[in-house]
Structure formats: C-alpha cells, structure tokens
Amino acid sequence: MKMDTNDKFTEPKAQLHLYRHGPSLAQTQYIPLAELSLQAVDNNYPKLLLIISIAVAVLITLVVSVFGIVNPNIPTSATLAILPICLLLAVIIIKLVHLKAQKIAYGVFEHELVFREGLFWVSTTALPYTRLQHVNLSQGPLERRYNLVSLKCFSAGSGVAEIDLPGLNADEAEHLRQHLLTKAGASHAQPSIQHAEPLTRPTPVHHNEDTPNG
C-alpha cells in the first residue's frame, strides 16, 4: 500500500471562504470629518497664548532696541528703521498664534475621540477607543493661572502622544479623562469581532491502493 504525502491534504476550492468586504460604498455615503460636530477649547486658552505672544514680542523688541543703541557700529537711523519692521512682524505672528488657538477643536464620540488643529494646514486625528491605552493631564504655571490643562492620549505601542489637546478647562478635563479611560476599558474587554469567516479546515483525503491478494 502506497500513500502520496503530497496529496495527503487537499482543499477543494468550493470549501474556501474568502474575506467578505461587504457592499461597495459610494462617495456620497462617506462620513466626511468636516461635518462632524466639534467643540472649541476653553476661551481662556487663546487669551493665554495672546498674552504669551505679546510678552515675547515685547521682550524681543526691547533686546533689539538695546542692542542697536549700545552697539556703536550700528547707526541710530538703522535701529529706528528696523524697529517698525520688528513690530509689524510681531503683530502678524501674534495674530496668527491667536487664530491658530481658536481653530483647535475636538469631539467625543461613541467609538472615538477626534482632534483637529491647524490654521493653513489643518490636521484631523481620530483615535478609536480600542487603541487608547493611557490618558495624561498636564498643567504648567501659566495654565494653572487660567485653570487650564492639556490632555494627552497615548495609543498602543506609541511612545509619544497621538493626541495632544491643550486649553481644556481643568474641572472638565478630569471628567473627560475618566470617560475616555472607561470607554477604552470597555472596548478592550469586549471580544474582538471577526469580520472575515475562518477558512474551512482541509479535509484529509487518503489515497489507498488495493494490495493484490496472495
């Protein structure tokens, strides 16, 4: 009796279940992030950045002015000509920083946290709760003055925060942190849903040869 080891296990094509992608969606059925209902950060955050920007601009202007006056190699007329340019650049930068802070928005949804930032280059990040591992709150001295905190969300296997959300009210941020951790714990506890049907195990087929009698 002989047995062909190459034909020991055969898998008929009829028994192979392919991955089911489901029906194809038209573009009109997509859910664009632009239509998500997002909320802005606390009103004190743009004010805080405005104050910091003005302070930095004033400090830089004073340094340039003192340097131009003390240095004998720089004519006074040159210093007076540079100051208006510095002031104009400072005003533009301060305005851009303030507008960028006002554009920060976030949304807490049933299955994910969405974060959007950017003035000219807008970035939108959606972090599913199934990937959320750790949520951290941080607060600097200036943020403490305005009762603000920054919320950082870390995903699985990431050493840096995937979402860094500044300008949250300190009283509401702790509630949000506990909510996110609860949602993440619940999503991790649920058994994973298999969207693809498992492959049917191959049916062993034995090829036996009749042994002649005698």
C-alpha atoms as a PDB file:
ATOM      1  CA  MET A   1       0.000   0.000   0.000  1.00  0.00           C
ATOM      2  CA  LYS A   2       1.378   3.384  -1.019  1.00  0.00           C
ATOM      3  CA  MET A   3       0.361   6.864   0.038  1.00  0.00           C
ATOM      4  CA  ASP A   4       1.218  10.066  -1.750  1.00  0.00           C
ATOM      5  CA  THR A   5       2.215  12.539   1.000  1.00  0.00           C
ATOM      6  CA  ASN A   6       1.767  15.489  -1.357  1.00  0.00           C
ATOM      7  CA  ASP A   7      -1.912  14.624  -1.749  1.00  0.00           C
ATOM      8  CA  LYS A   8      -2.499  13.848   1.914  1.00  0.00           C
ATOM      9  CA  PHE A   9      -4.409  17.109   2.485  1.00  0.00           C
ATOM     10  CA  THR A  10      -6.332  18.692  -0.324  1.00  0.00           C
ATOM     11  CA  GLU A  11      -8.571  21.735  -0.073  1.00  0.00           C
ATOM     12  CA  PRO A  12     -11.255  21.981  -2.719  1.00  0.00           C
ATOM     13  CA  LYS A  13     -11.860  25.495  -3.926  1.00  0.00           C
ATOM     14  CA  ALA A  14     -15.529  25.167  -3.070  1.00  0.00           C
ATOM     15  CA  GLN A  15     -14.638  24.907   0.625  1.00  0.00           C
ATOM     16  CA  LEU A  16     -12.536  28.084   0.701  1.00  0.00           C
ATOM     17  CA  HIS A  17     -14.433  31.073   2.135  1.00  0.00           C
ATOM     18  CA  LEU A  18     -12.924  34.358   1.012  1.00  0.00           C
ATOM     19  CA  TYR A  19     -12.889  37.587   3.020  1.00  0.00           C
ATOM     20  CA  ARG A  20     -16.198  39.400   2.720  1.00  0.00           C
ATOM     21  CA  HIS A  21     -15.705  43.106   2.145  1.00  0.00           C
ATOM     22  CA  GLY A  22     -19.412  43.883   2.155  1.00  0.00           C
ATOM     23  CA  PRO A  23     -21.196  46.110  -0.339  1.00  0.00           C
ATOM     24  CA  SER A  24     -19.220  48.857  -2.020  1.00  0.00           C
ATOM     25  CA  LEU A  25     -19.987  52.370  -0.747  1.00  0.00           C
ATOM     26  CA  ALA A  26     -20.497  55.353  -2.996  1.00  0.00           C
ATOM     27  CA  GLN A  27     -18.695  58.584  -2.196  1.00  0.00           C
ATOM     28  CA  THR A  28     -21.984  60.151  -1.120  1.00  0.00           C
ATOM     29  CA  GLN A  29     -22.200  57.536   1.662  1.00  0.00           C
ATOM     30  CA  TYR A  30     -18.882  58.556   3.230  1.00  0.00           C
ATOM     31  CA  ILE A  31     -18.930  60.435   6.540  1.00  0.00           C
ATOM     32  CA  PRO A  32     -16.704  63.474   5.980  1.00  0.00           C
ATOM     33  CA  LEU A  33     -14.869  64.685   9.057  1.00  0.00           C
ATOM     34  CA  ALA A  34     -15.644  68.264   8.064  1.00  0.00           C
ATOM     35  CA  GLU A  35     -19.268  67.678   9.021  1.00  0.00           C
ATOM     36  CA  LEU A  36     -18.505  66.301  12.484  1.00  0.00           C
ATOM     37  CA  SER A  37     -19.789  68.359  15.371  1.00  0.00           C
ATOM     38  CA  LEU A  38     -16.628  69.544  17.125  1.00  0.00           C
ATOM     39  CA  GLN A  39     -16.314  71.930  20.032  1.00  0.00           C
ATOM     40  CA  ALA A  40     -13.663  74.564  20.650  1.00  0.00           C
ATOM     41  CA  VAL A  41     -11.321  74.616  23.605  1.00  0.00           C
ATOM     42  CA  ASP A  42     -11.795  76.933  26.580  1.00  0.00           C
ATOM     43  CA  ASN A  43     -11.943  80.653  25.758  1.00  0.00           C
ATOM     44  CA  ASN A  44      -9.077  81.351  28.153  1.00  0.00           C
ATOM     45  CA  TYR A  45      -6.631  79.361  26.018  1.00  0.00           C
ATOM     46  CA  PRO A  46      -6.495  81.837  23.085  1.00  0.00           C
ATOM     47  CA  LYS A  47      -6.220  84.649  25.624  1.00  0.00           C
ATOM     48  CA  LEU A  48      -3.311  82.901  27.329  1.00  0.00           C
ATOM     49  CA  LEU A  49      -1.440  82.437  24.061  1.00  0.00           C
ATOM     50  CA  LEU A  50      -2.155  86.048  23.165  1.00  0.00           C
ATOM     51  CA  ILE A  51      -0.603  87.246  26.425  1.00  0.00           C
ATOM     52  CA  ILE A  52       2.429  84.986  25.998  1.00  0.00           C
ATOM     53  CA  SER A  53       2.940  86.114  22.393  1.00  0.00           C
ATOM     54  CA  ILE A  54       2.749  89.791  23.323  1.00  0.00           C
ATOM     55  CA  ALA A  55       5.210  89.299  26.178  1.00  0.00           C
ATOM     56  CA  VAL A  56       7.680  87.505  23.917  1.00  0.00           C
ATOM     57  CA  ALA A  57       7.303  90.166  21.198  1.00  0.00           C
ATOM     58  CA  VAL A  58       7.903  92.994  23.671  1.00  0.00           C
ATOM     59  CA  LEU A  59      10.975  91.231  25.064  1.00  0.00           C
ATOM     60  CA  ILE A  60      12.459  90.681  21.599  1.00  0.00           C
ATOM     61  CA  THR A  61      11.776  94.315  20.628  1.00  0.00           C
ATOM     62  CA  LEU A  62      13.498  95.564  23.774  1.00  0.00           C
ATOM     63  CA  VAL A  63      16.525  93.360  23.146  1.00  0.00           C
ATOM     64  CA  VAL A  64      16.839  94.594  19.559  1.00  0.00           C
ATOM     65  CA  SER A  65      16.443  98.209  20.649  1.00  0.00           C
ATOM     66  CA  VAL A  66      19.021  97.993  23.422  1.00  0.00           C
ATOM     67  CA  PHE A  67      21.456  96.164  21.176  1.00  0.00           C
ATOM     68  CA  GLY A  68      21.099  98.799  18.478  1.00  0.00           C
ATOM     69  CA  ILE A  69      21.563 101.667  20.918  1.00  0.00           C
ATOM     70  CA  VAL A  70      24.507 100.167  22.813  1.00  0.00           C
ATOM     71  CA  ASN A  71      26.428  98.951  19.765  1.00  0.00           C
ATOM     72  CA  PRO A  72      28.344 101.912  18.329  1.00  0.00           C
ATOM     73  CA  ASN A  73      28.779 100.169  14.980  1.00  0.00           C
ATOM     74  CA  ILE A  74      25.036 100.308  14.257  1.00  0.00           C
ATOM     75  CA  PRO A  75      23.721 103.763  13.305  1.00  0.00           C
ATOM     76  CA  THR A  76      20.730 105.044  15.215  1.00  0.00           C
ATOM     77  CA  SER A  77      18.881 105.538  11.960  1.00  0.00           C
ATOM     78  CA  ALA A  78      19.279 101.826  11.163  1.00  0.00           C
ATOM     79  CA  THR A  79      17.891 100.871  14.562  1.00  0.00           C
ATOM     80  CA  LEU A  80      14.917 103.184  14.098  1.00  0.00           C
ATOM     81  CA  ALA A  81      14.295 101.672  10.667  1.00  0.00           C
ATOM     82  CA  ILE A  82      14.413  98.091  11.946  1.00  0.00           C
ATOM     83  CA  LEU A  83      12.051  98.636  14.879  1.00  0.00           C
ATOM     84  CA  PRO A  84       8.898  99.238  12.778  1.00  0.00           C
ATOM     85  CA  ILE A  85       9.648  96.081  10.784  1.00  0.00           C
ATOM     86  CA  CYS A  86      10.056  94.077  14.000  1.00  0.00           C
ATOM     87  CA  LEU A  87       6.817  95.480  15.374  1.00  0.00           C
ATOM     88  CA  LEU A  88       4.948  94.631  12.179  1.00  0.00           C
ATOM     89  CA  LEU A  89       6.257  91.060  12.173  1.00  0.00           C
ATOM     90  CA  ALA A  90       5.370  90.741  15.843  1.00  0.00           C
ATOM     91  CA  VAL A  91       1.797  91.852  15.234  1.00  0.00           C
ATOM     92  CA  ILE A  92       1.400  89.372  12.365  1.00  0.00           C
ATOM     93  CA  ILE A  93       2.836  86.475  14.379  1.00  0.00           C
ATOM     94  CA  ILE A  94       0.715  87.315  17.419  1.00  0.00           C
ATOM     95  CA  LYS A  95      -2.412  87.405  15.297  1.00  0.00           C
ATOM     96  CA  LEU A  96      -1.604  84.063  13.652  1.00  0.00           C
ATOM     97  CA  VAL A  97      -0.923  82.395  17.001  1.00  0.00           C
ATOM     98  CA  HIS A  98      -4.227  83.689  18.348  1.00  0.00           C
ATOM     99  CA  LEU A  99      -6.164  82.488  15.297  1.00  0.00           C
ATOM    100  CA  LYS A 100      -4.499  79.068  15.416  1.00  0.00           C
ATOM    101  CA  ALA A 101      -5.524  78.660  19.053  1.00  0.00           C
ATOM    102  CA  GLN A 102      -9.107  79.487  18.148  1.00  0.00           C
ATOM    103  CA  LYS A 103      -9.120  76.805  15.447  1.00  0.00           C
ATOM    104  CA  ILE A 104      -8.352  73.959  17.849  1.00  0.00           C
ATOM    105  CA  ALA A 105     -11.390  71.723  18.263  1.00  0.00           C
ATOM    106  CA  TYR A 106     -12.252  68.246  19.467  1.00  0.00           C
ATOM    107  CA  GLY A 107     -15.184  65.866  19.612  1.00  0.00           C
ATOM    108  CA  VAL A 108     -16.005  62.985  21.949  1.00  0.00           C
ATOM    109  CA  PHE A 109     -17.976  60.340  20.060  1.00  0.00           C
ATOM    110  CA  GLU A 110     -19.289  56.882  20.806  1.00  0.00           C
ATOM    111  CA  HIS A 111     -16.314  54.990  19.396  1.00  0.00           C
ATOM    112  CA  GLU A 112     -13.508  57.542  19.016  1.00  0.00           C
ATOM    113  CA  LEU A 113     -12.003  60.871  20.015  1.00  0.00           C
ATOM    114  CA  VAL A 114     -11.468  63.370  17.196  1.00  0.00           C
ATOM    115  CA  PHE A 115      -8.947  66.212  17.370  1.00  0.00           C
ATOM    116  CA  ARG A 116      -8.468  68.990  14.820  1.00  0.00           C
ATOM    117  CA  GLU A 117      -5.848  71.733  14.691  1.00  0.00           C
ATOM    118  CA  GLY A 118      -4.142  73.999  12.183  1.00  0.00           C
ATOM    119  CA  LEU A 119      -4.691  77.348  10.528  1.00  0.00           C
ATOM    120  CA  PHE A 120      -3.408  76.933   6.981  1.00  0.00           C
ATOM    121  CA  TRP A 121      -2.550  73.224   7.145  1.00  0.00           C
ATOM    122  CA  VAL A 122      -5.421  71.584   9.008  1.00  0.00           C
ATOM    123  CA  SER A 123      -4.790  68.214  10.657  1.00  0.00           C
ATOM    124  CA  THR A 124      -7.595  65.942  11.878  1.00  0.00           C
ATOM    125  CA  THR A 125      -6.828  62.915  14.076  1.00  0.00           C
ATOM    126  CA  ALA A 126      -9.360  60.247  15.041  1.00  0.00           C
ATOM    127  CA  LEU A 127      -8.281  57.895  17.845  1.00  0.00           C
ATOM    128  CA  PRO A 128     -10.538  54.839  18.350  1.00  0.00           C
ATOM    129  CA  TYR A 129     -11.037  53.791  21.944  1.00  0.00           C
ATOM    130  CA  THR A 130      -9.856  50.289  21.036  1.00  0.00           C
ATOM    131  CA  ARG A 131      -6.352  51.743  20.557  1.00  0.00           C
ATOM    132  CA  LEU A 132      -6.398  54.085  23.547  1.00  0.00           C
ATOM    133  CA  GLN A 133      -4.063  52.909  26.317  1.00  0.00           C
ATOM    134  CA  HIS A 134      -3.254  55.887  28.520  1.00  0.00           C
ATOM    135  CA  VAL A 135      -4.590  59.421  29.133  1.00  0.00           C
ATOM    136  CA  ASN A 136      -2.471  62.055  30.841  1.00  0.00           C
ATOM    137  CA  LEU A 137      -3.271  65.553  32.138  1.00  0.00           C
ATOM    138  CA  SER A 138      -0.541  68.191  32.433  1.00  0.00           C
ATOM    139  CA  GLN A 139      -0.639  71.765  33.688  1.00  0.00           C
ATOM    140  CA  GLY A 140       2.019  74.470  33.642  1.00  0.00           C
ATOM    141  CA  PRO A 141       2.218  77.524  35.915  1.00  0.00           C
ATOM    142  CA  LEU A 142       0.596  79.832  33.379  1.00  0.00           C
ATOM    143  CA  GLU A 143      -2.113  77.286  32.621  1.00  0.00           C
ATOM    144  CA  ARG A 144      -2.803  76.966  36.337  1.00  0.00           C
ATOM    145  CA  ARG A 145      -3.371  80.714  36.482  1.00  0.00           C
ATOM    146  CA  TYR A 146      -6.217  80.352  33.956  1.00  0.00           C
ATOM    147  CA  ASN A 147      -7.454  76.963  35.212  1.00  0.00           C
ATOM    148  CA  LEU A 148      -6.389  75.167  32.032  1.00  0.00           C
ATOM    149  CA  VAL A 149      -4.838  71.759  31.402  1.00  0.00           C
ATOM    150  CA  SER A 150      -3.551  69.777  28.433  1.00  0.00           C
ATOM    151  CA  LEU A 151      -4.873  66.289  27.734  1.00  0.00           C
ATOM    152  CA  LYS A 152      -2.598  63.741  26.072  1.00  0.00           C
ATOM    153  CA  CYS A 153      -3.789  60.416  24.674  1.00  0.00           C
ATOM    154  CA  PHE A 154      -1.381  57.552  24.034  1.00  0.00           C
ATOM    155  CA  SER A 155      -2.177  54.616  21.801  1.00  0.00           C
ATOM    156  CA  ALA A 156      -0.874  51.072  21.947  1.00  0.00           C
ATOM    157  CA  GLY A 157       2.819  50.828  21.118  1.00  0.00           C
ATOM    158  CA  SER A 158       3.298  54.592  20.782  1.00  0.00           C
ATOM    159  CA  GLY A 159       5.904  56.417  22.852  1.00  0.00           C
ATOM    160  CA  VAL A 160       4.528  59.860  22.023  1.00  0.00           C
ATOM    161  CA  ALA A 161       1.049  61.248  22.472  1.00  0.00           C
ATOM    162  CA  GLU A 162      -1.148  60.602  19.450  1.00  0.00           C
ATOM    163  CA  ILE A 163      -3.462  63.414  20.540  1.00  0.00           C
ATOM    164  CA  ASP A 164      -2.185  66.462  22.450  1.00  0.00           C
ATOM    165  CA  LEU A 165      -5.237  68.552  23.264  1.00  0.00           C
ATOM    166  CA  PRO A 166      -4.445  71.853  25.034  1.00  0.00           C
ATOM    167  CA  GLY A 167      -6.700  74.501  26.510  1.00  0.00           C
ATOM    168  CA  LEU A 168      -9.216  72.353  28.384  1.00  0.00           C
ATOM    169  CA  ASN A 169     -10.952  73.588  31.486  1.00  0.00           C
ATOM    170  CA  ALA A 170      -9.332  71.854  34.450  1.00  0.00           C
ATOM    171  CA  ASP A 171     -12.658  70.970  36.063  1.00  0.00           C
ATOM    172  CA  GLU A 172     -13.987  69.330  32.893  1.00  0.00           C
ATOM    173  CA  ALA A 173     -10.712  67.702  31.829  1.00  0.00           C
ATOM    174  CA  GLU A 174     -10.633  65.198  34.684  1.00  0.00           C
ATOM    175  CA  HIS A 175     -14.187  64.137  33.860  1.00  0.00           C
ATOM    176  CA  LEU A 176     -13.180  63.708  30.214  1.00  0.00           C
ATOM    177  CA  ARG A 177     -10.101  61.693  31.179  1.00  0.00           C
ATOM    178  CA  GLN A 178     -12.146  59.261  33.260  1.00  0.00           C
ATOM    179  CA  HIS A 179     -14.724  58.966  30.479  1.00  0.00           C
ATOM    180  CA  LEU A 180     -12.063  58.120  27.898  1.00  0.00           C
ATOM    181  CA  LEU A 181     -10.417  55.546  30.137  1.00  0.00           C
ATOM    182  CA  THR A 182     -13.797  53.946  30.866  1.00  0.00           C
ATOM    183  CA  LYS A 183     -14.614  53.743  27.154  1.00  0.00           C
ATOM    184  CA  ALA A 184     -11.168  52.317  26.423  1.00  0.00           C
ATOM    185  CA  GLY A 185     -11.505  49.703  29.157  1.00  0.00           C
ATOM    186  CA  ALA A 186     -14.928  48.673  27.908  1.00  0.00           C
ATOM    187  CA  SER A 187     -13.722  48.376  24.312  1.00  0.00           C
ATOM    188  CA  HIS A 188     -10.730  46.270  25.376  1.00  0.00           C
ATOM    189  CA  ALA A 189     -12.951  43.962  27.406  1.00  0.00           C
ATOM    190  CA  GLN A 190     -15.257  43.224  24.510  1.00  0.00           C
ATOM    191  CA  PRO A 191     -14.306  40.202  22.380  1.00  0.00           C
ATOM    192  CA  SER A 192     -12.926  41.152  19.020  1.00  0.00           C
ATOM    193  CA  ILE A 193     -15.358  40.765  16.152  1.00  0.00           C
ATOM    194  CA  GLN A 194     -14.128  38.744  13.277  1.00  0.00           C
ATOM    195  CA  HIS A 195     -15.193  40.341  10.032  1.00  0.00           C
ATOM    196  CA  ALA A 196     -13.828  37.513   7.962  1.00  0.00           C
ATOM    197  CA  GLU A 197     -15.110  33.984   8.086  1.00  0.00           C
ATOM    198  CA  PRO A 198     -12.446  31.468   9.041  1.00  0.00           C
ATOM    199  CA  LEU A 199     -11.116  29.203   6.394  1.00  0.00           C
ATOM    200  CA  THR A 200     -12.599  25.724   6.351  1.00  0.00           C
ATOM    201  CA  ARG A 201     -10.083  23.205   7.546  1.00  0.00           C
ATOM    202  CA  PRO A 202      -8.853  20.985   4.753  1.00  0.00           C
ATOM    203  CA  THR A 203     -10.415  17.567   4.595  1.00  0.00           C
ATOM    204  CA  PRO A 204      -7.840  14.810   4.632  1.00  0.00           C
ATOM    205  CA  VAL A 205      -8.133  12.565   1.642  1.00  0.00           C
ATOM    206  CA  HIS A 206      -6.361   9.238   1.862  1.00  0.00           C
ATOM    207  CA  HIS A 207      -5.355   7.539  -1.363  1.00  0.00           C
ATOM    208  CA  ASN A 208      -5.254   3.827  -0.797  1.00  0.00           C
ATOM    209  CA  GLU A 209      -4.074   1.364  -3.364  1.00  0.00           C
ATOM    210  CA  ASP A 210      -5.539  -2.121  -3.375  1.00  0.00           C
ATOM    211  CA  THR A 211      -2.947  -4.705  -2.390  1.00  0.00           C
ATOM    212  CA  PRO A 212      -3.028  -7.702  -4.691  1.00  0.00           C
ATOM    213  CA  ASN A 213      -4.007 -10.937  -2.948  1.00  0.00           C
ATOM    214  CA  GLY A 214      -1.594 -13.669  -2.402  1.00  0.00           C
END
